[in-house]
């Protein structure tokens, strides 16, 4: 994936390093030259630019990436940057929030996922970027984890056995949650609205659509 990270403080720098290690093509952007220099060895391109300036982001090619992470905790800069990339046509926008109010504002303007670093580490967040369909993710190793996913509507009424036969990946269904958690559920169980499916597998398998 091509991912732009806007804001290269401690959190943004960690995201850049982790995404680079996972094999993504990362564009890192910040107005602070020192932050850009630190990020440069870990990404495909690092640039000094104002993330609140839509034209500057357009010139850097941010509008052509697959996803954007707005990693600054400064409220005004964060909101403007998120709005800028949305104006450039990016629909997968992820952002850091410094508090609940900040998170609420980002959610209201349509950010895909909001993270508060006090609760969610940069490493976990980097994996969530790759496994975009996951509601939550637990890292087991560098590229292997456990993901919780909502059961999509087109699977409602089908059995878990049918899901196994059509999946074609190496992800392993280990549990279903519908109120209570069912570990190693029977394969004739019918999938219904509100079910959460818990898979274990490599990120590349977990990222595939159900």
N, C-alpha and C. Protein backbone atom coordinates (compact mmCIF):
# COMPACT_ATOMS: atom_id res chain seq x y z
N UNK A 1 0.82 -1.20 0.00
CA UNK A 1 0.00 0.00 0.00
C UNK A 1 0.86 1.26 0.00
N UNK A 2 0.34 2.30 -0.59
CA UNK A 2 0.96 3.62 -0.50
C UNK A 2 0.23 4.42 0.58
N UNK A 3 0.99 4.84 1.59
CA UNK A 3 0.38 5.51 2.74
C UNK A 3 1.14 6.79 3.03
N UNK A 4 0.41 7.88 3.21
CA UNK A 4 1.01 9.15 3.60
C UNK A 4 0.81 9.36 5.09
N UNK A 5 1.87 9.74 5.78
CA UNK A 5 1.81 10.06 7.20
C UNK A 5 2.07 11.55 7.36
N UNK A 6 1.10 12.28 7.87
CA UNK A 6 1.19 13.72 8.01
C UNK A 6 1.40 14.08 9.48
N UNK A 7 2.58 14.59 9.79
CA UNK A 7 2.93 14.89 11.18
C UNK A 7 3.92 13.86 11.68
N UNK A 8 5.13 14.31 12.04
CA UNK A 8 6.20 13.37 12.37
C UNK A 8 6.74 13.59 13.77
N UNK A 9 5.83 13.72 14.72
CA UNK A 9 6.24 13.71 16.11
C UNK A 9 6.55 12.29 16.54
N UNK A 10 6.50 12.02 17.83
CA UNK A 10 6.83 10.68 18.33
C UNK A 10 5.90 9.62 17.75
N UNK A 11 4.60 9.90 17.76
CA UNK A 11 3.63 8.93 17.26
C UNK A 11 3.77 8.74 15.75
N UNK A 12 3.83 9.85 15.00
CA UNK A 12 3.96 9.76 13.55
C UNK A 12 5.22 9.05 13.13
N UNK A 13 6.32 9.33 13.82
CA UNK A 13 7.59 8.67 13.50
C UNK A 13 7.52 7.16 13.74
N UNK A 14 6.83 6.77 14.80
CA UNK A 14 6.67 5.34 15.08
C UNK A 14 5.83 4.67 14.00
N UNK A 15 4.77 5.35 13.56
CA UNK A 15 3.93 4.82 12.48
C UNK A 15 4.77 4.63 11.21
N UNK A 16 5.58 5.63 10.86
CA UNK A 16 6.41 5.55 9.66
C UNK A 16 7.35 4.35 9.74
N UNK A 17 8.02 4.18 10.87
CA UNK A 17 8.96 3.06 11.02
C UNK A 17 8.25 1.71 10.88
N UNK A 18 7.11 1.58 11.55
CA UNK A 18 6.40 0.31 11.53
C UNK A 18 5.84 0.01 10.14
N UNK A 19 5.27 1.01 9.49
CA UNK A 19 4.74 0.79 8.14
C UNK A 19 5.85 0.44 7.17
N UNK A 20 7.00 1.08 7.31
CA UNK A 20 8.14 0.75 6.46
C UNK A 20 8.59 -0.68 6.65
N UNK A 21 8.62 -1.14 7.90
CA UNK A 21 9.02 -2.51 8.19
C UNK A 21 8.01 -3.52 7.65
N UNK A 22 6.75 -3.10 7.56
CA UNK A 22 5.71 -3.98 7.03
C UNK A 22 5.69 -4.00 5.50
N UNK A 23 6.56 -3.20 4.89
CA UNK A 23 6.69 -3.23 3.44
C UNK A 23 5.84 -2.24 2.68
N UNK A 24 5.24 -1.27 3.37
CA UNK A 24 4.43 -0.27 2.69
C UNK A 24 5.31 0.84 2.10
N UNK A 25 4.81 1.48 1.06
CA UNK A 25 5.47 2.64 0.47
C UNK A 25 4.95 3.88 1.18
N UNK A 26 5.79 4.51 1.99
CA UNK A 26 5.34 5.58 2.88
C UNK A 26 5.85 6.94 2.41
N UNK A 27 4.94 7.91 2.39
CA UNK A 27 5.27 9.31 2.17
C UNK A 27 5.11 10.02 3.51
N UNK A 28 6.19 10.56 4.07
CA UNK A 28 6.18 11.22 5.38
C UNK A 28 6.28 12.73 5.20
N UNK A 29 5.40 13.48 5.85
CA UNK A 29 5.34 14.93 5.65
C UNK A 29 5.25 15.65 6.99
N UNK A 30 6.05 16.70 7.14
CA UNK A 30 6.00 17.55 8.33
C UNK A 30 6.65 18.88 7.99
N UNK A 31 6.27 19.92 8.72
CA UNK A 31 6.88 21.22 8.51
C UNK A 31 8.23 21.33 9.22
N UNK A 32 8.46 20.43 10.18
CA UNK A 32 9.69 20.42 10.95
C UNK A 32 10.77 19.62 10.23
N UNK A 33 11.85 20.26 9.85
CA UNK A 33 12.90 19.59 9.08
C UNK A 33 13.56 18.45 9.84
N UNK A 34 13.74 18.62 11.14
CA UNK A 34 14.38 17.58 11.94
C UNK A 34 13.54 16.30 11.93
N UNK A 35 12.23 16.45 12.05
CA UNK A 35 11.35 15.29 12.01
C UNK A 35 11.40 14.59 10.68
N UNK A 36 11.45 15.36 9.60
CA UNK A 36 11.53 14.79 8.26
C UNK A 36 12.85 14.03 8.08
N UNK A 37 13.92 14.58 8.57
CA UNK A 37 15.23 13.92 8.46
C UNK A 37 15.24 12.60 9.23
N UNK A 38 14.60 12.58 10.40
CA UNK A 38 14.54 11.33 11.18
C UNK A 38 13.73 10.26 10.45
N UNK A 39 12.68 10.69 9.76
CA UNK A 39 11.79 9.73 9.10
C UNK A 39 12.36 9.22 7.79
N UNK A 40 13.21 10.00 7.15
CA UNK A 40 13.66 9.70 5.79
C UNK A 40 14.22 8.28 5.60
N UNK A 41 15.04 7.75 6.53
CA UNK A 41 15.59 6.41 6.30
C UNK A 41 14.54 5.29 6.33
N UNK A 42 13.35 5.59 6.82
CA UNK A 42 12.35 4.55 7.03
C UNK A 42 11.20 4.61 6.02
N UNK A 43 11.29 5.49 5.02
CA UNK A 43 10.17 5.65 4.11
C UNK A 43 10.65 5.87 2.68
N UNK A 44 9.71 5.78 1.75
CA UNK A 44 10.06 5.97 0.35
C UNK A 44 10.35 7.42 0.04
N UNK A 45 9.63 8.33 0.69
CA UNK A 45 9.83 9.76 0.43
C UNK A 45 9.48 10.54 1.69
N UNK A 46 10.29 11.52 2.03
CA UNK A 46 10.03 12.40 3.17
C UNK A 46 10.12 13.83 2.68
N UNK A 47 9.15 14.66 3.07
CA UNK A 47 9.10 16.02 2.54
C UNK A 47 8.75 17.03 3.62
N UNK A 48 9.36 18.21 3.52
CA UNK A 48 9.03 19.33 4.40
C UNK A 48 7.89 20.11 3.76
N UNK A 49 6.73 20.15 4.42
CA UNK A 49 5.58 20.86 3.88
C UNK A 49 4.57 21.10 4.99
N UNK A 50 3.69 22.07 4.75
CA UNK A 50 2.63 22.42 5.69
C UNK A 50 1.43 21.51 5.43
N UNK A 51 1.10 20.64 6.38
CA UNK A 51 0.02 19.69 6.17
C UNK A 51 -1.36 20.35 6.18
N UNK A 52 -1.42 21.62 6.60
CA UNK A 52 -2.70 22.33 6.57
C UNK A 52 -2.91 23.04 5.23
N UNK A 53 -1.97 22.89 4.32
CA UNK A 53 -2.04 23.54 3.01
C UNK A 53 -2.41 22.49 1.95
N UNK A 54 -3.64 22.56 1.46
CA UNK A 54 -4.12 21.57 0.51
C UNK A 54 -3.27 21.53 -0.76
N UNK A 55 -2.88 22.70 -1.27
CA UNK A 55 -2.09 22.75 -2.50
C UNK A 55 -0.74 22.06 -2.32
N UNK A 56 -0.12 22.26 -1.15
CA UNK A 56 1.17 21.62 -0.89
C UNK A 56 1.03 20.10 -0.88
N UNK A 57 -0.05 19.61 -0.28
CA UNK A 57 -0.28 18.16 -0.25
C UNK A 57 -0.57 17.62 -1.64
N UNK A 58 -1.31 18.39 -2.42
CA UNK A 58 -1.60 17.98 -3.79
C UNK A 58 -0.30 17.87 -4.60
N UNK A 59 0.58 18.85 -4.45
CA UNK A 59 1.83 18.86 -5.19
C UNK A 59 2.72 17.68 -4.82
N UNK A 60 2.60 17.19 -3.57
CA UNK A 60 3.39 16.05 -3.13
C UNK A 60 2.81 14.71 -3.60
N UNK A 61 1.62 14.75 -4.18
CA UNK A 61 0.99 13.52 -4.66
C UNK A 61 0.17 12.79 -3.61
N UNK A 62 -0.19 13.49 -2.53
CA UNK A 62 -0.96 12.83 -1.47
C UNK A 62 -2.30 12.32 -1.99
N UNK A 63 -2.85 12.98 -2.99
CA UNK A 63 -4.14 12.57 -3.53
C UNK A 63 -4.13 11.23 -4.23
N UNK A 64 -2.97 10.66 -4.48
CA UNK A 64 -2.89 9.38 -5.20
C UNK A 64 -2.55 8.19 -4.29
N UNK A 65 -2.40 8.41 -2.98
CA UNK A 65 -2.06 7.31 -2.09
C UNK A 65 -3.32 6.51 -1.73
N UNK A 66 -3.11 5.35 -1.12
CA UNK A 66 -4.23 4.49 -0.73
C UNK A 66 -4.86 4.91 0.59
N UNK A 67 -4.05 5.46 1.49
CA UNK A 67 -4.56 5.84 2.81
C UNK A 67 -3.67 6.95 3.37
N UNK A 68 -4.25 7.73 4.28
CA UNK A 68 -3.51 8.81 4.93
C UNK A 68 -3.67 8.70 6.44
N UNK A 69 -2.57 8.89 7.15
CA UNK A 69 -2.59 8.98 8.60
C UNK A 69 -2.27 10.41 9.00
N UNK A 70 -3.21 11.07 9.66
CA UNK A 70 -2.97 12.41 10.20
C UNK A 70 -2.48 12.20 11.63
N UNK A 71 -1.17 12.34 11.83
CA UNK A 71 -0.55 11.91 13.08
C UNK A 71 -0.26 13.04 14.06
N UNK A 72 -0.67 14.26 13.74
CA UNK A 72 -0.46 15.35 14.67
C UNK A 72 -1.57 15.41 15.72
N UNK A 73 -1.21 15.77 16.95
CA UNK A 73 -2.20 15.90 18.00
C UNK A 73 -2.72 17.32 18.15
N UNK A 74 -2.24 18.25 17.32
CA UNK A 74 -2.69 19.65 17.37
C UNK A 74 -4.05 19.73 16.70
N UNK A 75 -5.06 20.16 17.44
CA UNK A 75 -6.44 20.09 16.97
C UNK A 75 -6.66 20.77 15.63
N UNK A 76 -6.29 22.04 15.51
CA UNK A 76 -6.56 22.78 14.28
C UNK A 76 -5.84 22.16 13.09
N UNK A 77 -4.55 21.85 13.27
CA UNK A 77 -3.78 21.26 12.18
C UNK A 77 -4.34 19.90 11.79
N UNK A 78 -4.76 19.13 12.78
CA UNK A 78 -5.30 17.80 12.54
C UNK A 78 -6.58 17.87 11.71
N UNK A 79 -7.50 18.74 12.11
CA UNK A 79 -8.78 18.86 11.41
C UNK A 79 -8.57 19.38 9.99
N UNK A 80 -7.73 20.40 9.83
CA UNK A 80 -7.47 20.95 8.51
C UNK A 80 -6.81 19.93 7.59
N UNK A 81 -5.85 19.19 8.12
CA UNK A 81 -5.17 18.18 7.31
C UNK A 81 -6.15 17.09 6.88
N UNK A 82 -7.00 16.66 7.80
CA UNK A 82 -7.99 15.63 7.46
C UNK A 82 -8.95 16.13 6.38
N UNK A 83 -9.39 17.35 6.50
CA UNK A 83 -10.29 17.93 5.49
C UNK A 83 -9.58 18.09 4.15
N UNK A 84 -8.30 18.45 4.20
CA UNK A 84 -7.53 18.62 2.96
C UNK A 84 -7.44 17.32 2.18
N UNK A 85 -7.10 16.23 2.87
CA UNK A 85 -6.93 14.97 2.15
C UNK A 85 -8.28 14.43 1.68
N UNK A 86 -9.33 14.71 2.42
CA UNK A 86 -10.66 14.33 1.94
C UNK A 86 -10.99 15.09 0.66
N UNK A 87 -10.62 16.39 0.62
CA UNK A 87 -10.84 17.21 -0.58
C UNK A 87 -10.04 16.69 -1.76
N UNK A 88 -8.93 16.01 -1.48
CA UNK A 88 -8.11 15.42 -2.55
C UNK A 88 -8.64 14.06 -3.01
N UNK A 89 -9.72 13.61 -2.39
CA UNK A 89 -10.36 12.37 -2.82
C UNK A 89 -9.98 11.13 -2.03
N UNK A 90 -9.24 11.31 -0.94
CA UNK A 90 -8.85 10.15 -0.11
C UNK A 90 -10.00 9.79 0.82
N UNK A 91 -10.43 8.55 0.78
CA UNK A 91 -11.53 8.10 1.63
C UNK A 91 -11.03 7.34 2.87
N UNK A 92 -9.84 6.76 2.79
CA UNK A 92 -9.27 6.04 3.94
C UNK A 92 -8.37 7.00 4.71
N UNK A 93 -8.97 7.71 5.67
CA UNK A 93 -8.25 8.73 6.45
C UNK A 93 -8.25 8.31 7.92
N UNK A 94 -7.07 8.17 8.48
CA UNK A 94 -6.91 7.76 9.87
C UNK A 94 -6.24 8.90 10.62
N UNK A 95 -6.63 9.11 11.87
CA UNK A 95 -6.11 10.30 12.56
C UNK A 95 -5.91 10.05 14.05
N UNK A 96 -4.92 10.74 14.58
CA UNK A 96 -4.63 10.74 16.01
C UNK A 96 -5.46 11.83 16.68
N UNK A 97 -5.96 11.52 17.86
CA UNK A 97 -6.67 12.52 18.67
C UNK A 97 -6.00 12.63 20.02
N UNK A 98 -5.94 13.86 20.54
CA UNK A 98 -5.29 14.09 21.83
C UNK A 98 -6.24 13.95 23.00
N UNK A 99 -7.56 13.98 22.74
CA UNK A 99 -8.55 13.82 23.80
C UNK A 99 -9.89 13.44 23.18
N UNK A 100 -10.91 13.24 24.02
CA UNK A 100 -12.20 12.79 23.53
C UNK A 100 -12.88 13.82 22.64
N UNK A 101 -12.75 15.11 22.98
CA UNK A 101 -13.34 16.16 22.15
C UNK A 101 -12.71 16.17 20.77
N UNK A 102 -11.39 16.08 20.73
CA UNK A 102 -10.67 16.01 19.45
C UNK A 102 -11.16 14.82 18.64
N UNK A 103 -11.28 13.66 19.29
CA UNK A 103 -11.75 12.46 18.61
C UNK A 103 -13.16 12.65 18.05
N UNK A 104 -14.03 13.29 18.84
CA UNK A 104 -15.40 13.51 18.40
C UNK A 104 -15.46 14.39 17.16
N UNK A 105 -14.64 15.43 17.12
CA UNK A 105 -14.62 16.32 15.96
C UNK A 105 -14.15 15.58 14.71
N UNK A 106 -13.09 14.79 14.86
CA UNK A 106 -12.57 14.02 13.72
C UNK A 106 -13.60 13.03 13.20
N UNK A 107 -14.31 12.40 14.10
CA UNK A 107 -15.34 11.45 13.69
C UNK A 107 -16.46 12.16 12.95
N UNK A 108 -16.81 13.36 13.38
CA UNK A 108 -17.90 14.09 12.75
C UNK A 108 -17.57 14.54 11.34
N UNK A 109 -16.29 14.75 11.06
CA UNK A 109 -15.92 15.17 9.70
C UNK A 109 -15.62 13.97 8.80
N UNK A 110 -15.85 12.77 9.32
CA UNK A 110 -15.78 11.59 8.47
C UNK A 110 -14.48 10.83 8.43
N UNK A 111 -13.62 11.04 9.43
CA UNK A 111 -12.37 10.27 9.48
C UNK A 111 -12.70 8.78 9.67
N UNK A 112 -12.00 7.94 8.96
CA UNK A 112 -12.29 6.51 8.97
C UNK A 112 -12.10 5.88 10.34
N UNK A 113 -10.98 6.17 10.96
CA UNK A 113 -10.70 5.64 12.30
C UNK A 113 -9.88 6.65 13.08
N UNK A 114 -10.24 6.84 14.34
CA UNK A 114 -9.53 7.76 15.22
C UNK A 114 -8.81 6.95 16.29
N UNK A 115 -7.56 7.30 16.55
CA UNK A 115 -6.79 6.61 17.57
C UNK A 115 -6.32 7.61 18.61
N UNK A 116 -6.37 7.20 19.87
CA UNK A 116 -5.80 7.98 20.95
C UNK A 116 -4.61 7.19 21.49
N UNK A 117 -3.39 7.70 21.28
CA UNK A 117 -2.19 6.93 21.61
C UNK A 117 -2.11 6.45 23.04
N UNK A 118 -2.77 7.16 23.97
CA UNK A 118 -2.77 6.71 25.35
C UNK A 118 -3.45 5.35 25.48
N UNK A 119 -4.34 5.06 24.53
CA UNK A 119 -5.07 3.79 24.56
C UNK A 119 -4.58 2.83 23.49
N UNK A 120 -4.11 3.35 22.36
CA UNK A 120 -3.74 2.51 21.21
C UNK A 120 -2.32 2.83 20.78
N UNK A 121 -1.46 1.84 20.81
CA UNK A 121 -0.07 2.06 20.41
C UNK A 121 0.10 2.21 18.92
N UNK A 122 1.17 2.84 18.51
CA UNK A 122 1.45 3.04 17.10
C UNK A 122 1.62 1.74 16.34
N UNK A 123 2.21 0.73 16.97
CA UNK A 123 2.42 -0.55 16.29
C UNK A 123 1.08 -1.18 15.93
N UNK A 124 0.15 -1.22 16.89
CA UNK A 124 -1.17 -1.79 16.65
C UNK A 124 -1.90 -1.02 15.56
N UNK A 125 -1.78 0.30 15.61
CA UNK A 125 -2.46 1.14 14.64
C UNK A 125 -1.94 0.90 13.24
N UNK A 126 -0.64 0.68 13.12
CA UNK A 126 -0.05 0.40 11.81
C UNK A 126 -0.63 -0.88 11.22
N UNK A 127 -0.83 -1.90 12.05
CA UNK A 127 -1.43 -3.14 11.58
C UNK A 127 -2.89 -2.93 11.18
N UNK A 128 -3.62 -2.10 11.95
CA UNK A 128 -5.01 -1.82 11.61
C UNK A 128 -5.13 -1.14 10.25
N UNK A 129 -4.12 -0.37 9.88
CA UNK A 129 -4.13 0.27 8.56
C UNK A 129 -4.10 -0.79 7.46
N UNK A 130 -3.36 -1.84 7.70
CA UNK A 130 -3.25 -2.89 6.68
C UNK A 130 -4.50 -3.76 6.67
N UNK A 131 -5.00 -4.10 7.85
CA UNK A 131 -6.19 -4.94 7.96
C UNK A 131 -7.38 -4.00 8.14
N UNK A 132 -7.75 -3.30 7.07
CA UNK A 132 -8.69 -2.19 7.19
C UNK A 132 -10.10 -2.62 7.56
N UNK A 133 -10.46 -3.87 7.28
CA UNK A 133 -11.80 -4.32 7.63
C UNK A 133 -11.96 -4.70 9.08
N UNK A 134 -10.88 -4.66 9.84
CA UNK A 134 -10.93 -5.11 11.23
C UNK A 134 -11.46 -4.04 12.16
N UNK A 135 -12.29 -4.46 13.09
CA UNK A 135 -12.74 -3.56 14.15
C UNK A 135 -11.65 -3.40 15.20
N UNK A 136 -10.89 -4.46 15.44
CA UNK A 136 -9.78 -4.41 16.38
C UNK A 136 -8.74 -5.44 15.97
N UNK A 137 -7.54 -5.29 16.51
CA UNK A 137 -6.42 -6.14 16.10
C UNK A 137 -5.47 -6.34 17.26
N UNK A 138 -4.98 -7.56 17.40
CA UNK A 138 -3.96 -7.89 18.40
C UNK A 138 -2.77 -8.48 17.67
N UNK A 139 -1.61 -7.83 17.80
CA UNK A 139 -0.41 -8.31 17.13
C UNK A 139 0.16 -9.51 17.88
N UNK A 140 0.48 -10.58 17.13
CA UNK A 140 1.12 -11.76 17.69
C UNK A 140 2.60 -11.78 17.32
N UNK A 141 2.89 -11.39 16.08
CA UNK A 141 4.27 -11.28 15.63
C UNK A 141 4.33 -10.15 14.61
N UNK A 142 5.46 -10.06 13.90
CA UNK A 142 5.68 -8.95 12.96
C UNK A 142 4.56 -8.81 11.93
N UNK A 143 4.09 -9.94 11.38
CA UNK A 143 3.06 -9.86 10.34
C UNK A 143 1.93 -10.85 10.57
N UNK A 144 1.72 -11.22 11.82
CA UNK A 144 0.67 -12.20 12.17
C UNK A 144 -0.10 -11.67 13.36
N UNK A 145 -1.41 -11.80 13.31
CA UNK A 145 -2.20 -11.28 14.43
C UNK A 145 -3.58 -11.87 14.49
N UNK A 146 -4.39 -11.31 15.37
CA UNK A 146 -5.78 -11.72 15.55
C UNK A 146 -6.65 -10.49 15.28
N UNK A 147 -7.62 -10.65 14.39
CA UNK A 147 -8.48 -9.53 13.99
C UNK A 147 -9.93 -9.84 14.29
N UNK A 148 -10.66 -8.82 14.75
CA UNK A 148 -12.10 -8.93 14.98
C UNK A 148 -12.79 -8.16 13.86
N UNK A 149 -13.69 -8.85 13.15
CA UNK A 149 -14.36 -8.23 12.01
C UNK A 149 -15.88 -8.39 12.12
N UNK A 150 -16.61 -7.37 11.70
CA UNK A 150 -18.07 -7.47 11.62
C UNK A 150 -18.43 -8.44 10.51
N UNK A 151 -19.42 -9.28 10.76
CA UNK A 151 -19.89 -10.18 9.71
C UNK A 151 -20.65 -9.36 8.66
N UNK A 152 -20.16 -9.30 7.41
CA UNK A 152 -20.83 -8.48 6.40
C UNK A 152 -22.22 -9.03 6.07
N UNK A 153 -23.07 -8.14 5.58
CA UNK A 153 -24.48 -8.49 5.34
C UNK A 153 -24.63 -9.65 4.35
N UNK A 154 -23.72 -9.73 3.35
CA UNK A 154 -23.89 -10.78 2.34
C UNK A 154 -23.62 -12.18 2.90
N UNK A 155 -23.08 -12.26 4.13
CA UNK A 155 -22.86 -13.57 4.76
C UNK A 155 -23.99 -13.96 5.70
N UNK A 156 -24.90 -13.04 5.98
CA UNK A 156 -26.01 -13.35 6.89
C UNK A 156 -26.86 -14.48 6.32
N UNK A 157 -27.13 -15.48 7.14
CA UNK A 157 -27.90 -16.63 6.70
C UNK A 157 -27.05 -17.78 6.21
N UNK A 158 -25.76 -17.53 5.99
CA UNK A 158 -24.85 -18.60 5.58
C UNK A 158 -24.25 -19.26 6.82
N UNK A 159 -23.67 -20.43 6.64
CA UNK A 159 -23.04 -21.11 7.76
C UNK A 159 -21.55 -20.82 7.79
N UNK A 160 -20.95 -21.07 8.93
CA UNK A 160 -19.50 -20.90 9.04
C UNK A 160 -18.77 -21.86 8.12
N UNK A 161 -19.33 -23.02 7.89
CA UNK A 161 -18.73 -23.98 6.97
C UNK A 161 -18.69 -23.43 5.55
N UNK A 162 -19.74 -22.72 5.14
CA UNK A 162 -19.75 -22.10 3.81
C UNK A 162 -18.68 -21.01 3.73
N UNK A 163 -18.50 -20.29 4.82
CA UNK A 163 -17.47 -19.25 4.86
C UNK A 163 -16.10 -19.88 4.68
N UNK A 164 -15.85 -21.00 5.36
CA UNK A 164 -14.57 -21.71 5.22
C UNK A 164 -14.31 -22.11 3.78
N UNK A 165 -15.34 -22.63 3.11
CA UNK A 165 -15.16 -23.19 1.78
C UNK A 165 -14.94 -22.11 0.73
N UNK A 166 -15.48 -20.90 0.96
CA UNK A 166 -15.36 -19.84 -0.03
C UNK A 166 -14.22 -18.87 0.29
N UNK A 167 -13.64 -19.01 1.46
CA UNK A 167 -12.66 -18.02 1.90
C UNK A 167 -11.38 -18.08 1.08
N UNK A 168 -10.78 -19.26 0.97
CA UNK A 168 -9.60 -19.41 0.14
C UNK A 168 -8.35 -18.77 0.70
N UNK A 169 -8.32 -18.44 1.99
CA UNK A 169 -7.13 -17.86 2.61
C UNK A 169 -6.68 -18.75 3.76
N UNK A 170 -5.56 -18.37 4.35
CA UNK A 170 -5.04 -19.14 5.47
C UNK A 170 -5.45 -18.57 6.81
N UNK A 171 -6.39 -17.62 6.81
CA UNK A 171 -6.86 -17.12 8.10
C UNK A 171 -7.74 -18.19 8.75
N UNK A 172 -7.67 -18.26 10.05
CA UNK A 172 -8.37 -19.29 10.80
C UNK A 172 -9.43 -18.64 11.67
N UNK A 173 -10.68 -19.04 11.49
CA UNK A 173 -11.76 -18.54 12.33
C UNK A 173 -11.66 -19.23 13.69
N UNK A 174 -11.42 -18.46 14.75
CA UNK A 174 -11.22 -19.07 16.07
C UNK A 174 -12.38 -18.79 17.03
N UNK A 175 -13.21 -17.81 16.70
CA UNK A 175 -14.32 -17.50 17.62
C UNK A 175 -15.37 -16.66 16.91
N UNK A 176 -16.57 -16.70 17.45
CA UNK A 176 -17.66 -15.82 17.01
C UNK A 176 -18.24 -15.18 18.26
N UNK A 177 -18.49 -13.87 18.19
CA UNK A 177 -19.09 -13.19 19.33
C UNK A 177 -20.44 -12.61 18.93
N UNK A 178 -21.45 -13.03 19.63
CA UNK A 178 -22.79 -12.48 19.46
C UNK A 178 -23.40 -12.42 20.85
N UNK A 179 -23.04 -11.38 21.59
CA UNK A 179 -23.38 -11.34 23.02
C UNK A 179 -22.32 -12.09 23.78
N UNK A 180 -22.34 -13.42 23.70
CA UNK A 180 -21.32 -14.25 24.32
C UNK A 180 -20.32 -14.72 23.27
N UNK A 181 -19.12 -15.06 23.72
CA UNK A 181 -18.07 -15.53 22.82
C UNK A 181 -18.16 -17.04 22.66
N UNK A 182 -18.17 -17.50 21.43
CA UNK A 182 -18.16 -18.93 21.13
C UNK A 182 -16.79 -19.29 20.57
N UNK A 183 -15.99 -19.99 21.35
CA UNK A 183 -14.67 -20.43 20.90
C UNK A 183 -14.80 -21.67 20.04
N UNK A 184 -14.00 -21.73 18.97
CA UNK A 184 -14.03 -22.87 18.04
C UNK A 184 -15.47 -23.24 17.69
N UNK A 185 -16.22 -22.32 17.12
CA UNK A 185 -17.65 -22.55 16.87
C UNK A 185 -17.88 -23.67 15.87
N UNK A 186 -19.02 -24.36 16.02
CA UNK A 186 -19.37 -25.43 15.09
C UNK A 186 -19.63 -24.84 13.71
N UNK A 187 -19.29 -25.60 12.67
CA UNK A 187 -19.32 -25.06 11.30
C UNK A 187 -20.73 -24.99 10.72
N UNK A 188 -21.73 -25.61 11.39
CA UNK A 188 -23.10 -25.46 10.88
C UNK A 188 -23.83 -24.29 11.53
N UNK A 189 -23.08 -23.50 12.33
CA UNK A 189 -23.67 -22.31 12.94
C UNK A 189 -23.96 -21.27 11.85
N UNK A 190 -25.13 -20.67 11.91
CA UNK A 190 -25.53 -19.67 10.93
C UNK A 190 -25.03 -18.29 11.34
N UNK A 191 -24.50 -17.56 10.38
CA UNK A 191 -24.02 -16.20 10.62
C UNK A 191 -25.20 -15.24 10.57
N UNK A 192 -25.25 -14.31 11.52
CA UNK A 192 -26.37 -13.39 11.58
C UNK A 192 -25.95 -11.96 11.83
N UNK A 193 -26.89 -11.01 11.76
CA UNK A 193 -26.59 -9.59 12.02
C UNK A 193 -26.03 -9.41 13.43
N UNK A 194 -25.03 -8.58 13.54
CA UNK A 194 -24.43 -8.30 14.85
C UNK A 194 -23.32 -9.25 15.24
N UNK A 195 -23.11 -10.31 14.45
CA UNK A 195 -22.03 -11.25 14.77
C UNK A 195 -20.67 -10.61 14.50
N UNK A 196 -19.72 -10.91 15.39
CA UNK A 196 -18.33 -10.52 15.20
C UNK A 196 -17.53 -11.79 14.98
N UNK A 197 -16.71 -11.80 13.91
CA UNK A 197 -15.90 -12.96 13.57
C UNK A 197 -14.46 -12.69 13.98
N UNK A 198 -13.87 -13.63 14.69
CA UNK A 198 -12.50 -13.47 15.20
C UNK A 198 -11.59 -14.42 14.42
N UNK A 199 -10.64 -13.83 13.68
CA UNK A 199 -9.73 -14.61 12.86
C UNK A 199 -8.30 -14.47 13.35
N UNK A 200 -7.51 -15.52 13.15
CA UNK A 200 -6.06 -15.46 13.34
C UNK A 200 -5.41 -15.72 11.99
N UNK A 201 -4.32 -15.00 11.70
CA UNK A 201 -3.64 -15.23 10.44
C UNK A 201 -2.63 -14.15 10.14
N UNK A 202 -1.99 -14.29 8.99
CA UNK A 202 -1.07 -13.25 8.52
C UNK A 202 -1.86 -12.03 8.10
N UNK A 203 -1.26 -10.87 8.22
CA UNK A 203 -1.94 -9.63 7.87
C UNK A 203 -2.49 -9.67 6.45
N UNK A 204 -1.72 -10.23 5.50
CA UNK A 204 -2.15 -10.21 4.11
C UNK A 204 -3.42 -11.03 3.91
N UNK A 205 -3.61 -12.08 4.72
CA UNK A 205 -4.84 -12.88 4.65
C UNK A 205 -5.98 -12.19 5.39
N UNK A 206 -5.66 -11.62 6.54
CA UNK A 206 -6.70 -10.93 7.31
C UNK A 206 -7.25 -9.72 6.55
N UNK A 207 -6.42 -9.13 5.68
CA UNK A 207 -6.82 -7.93 4.96
C UNK A 207 -7.79 -8.22 3.81
N UNK A 208 -7.92 -9.47 3.39
CA UNK A 208 -8.78 -9.79 2.27
C UNK A 208 -10.26 -9.72 2.68
N UNK A 209 -11.08 -9.28 1.75
CA UNK A 209 -12.50 -9.13 2.04
C UNK A 209 -13.15 -10.48 2.30
N UNK A 210 -14.12 -10.49 3.19
CA UNK A 210 -14.85 -11.71 3.49
C UNK A 210 -15.84 -12.01 2.36
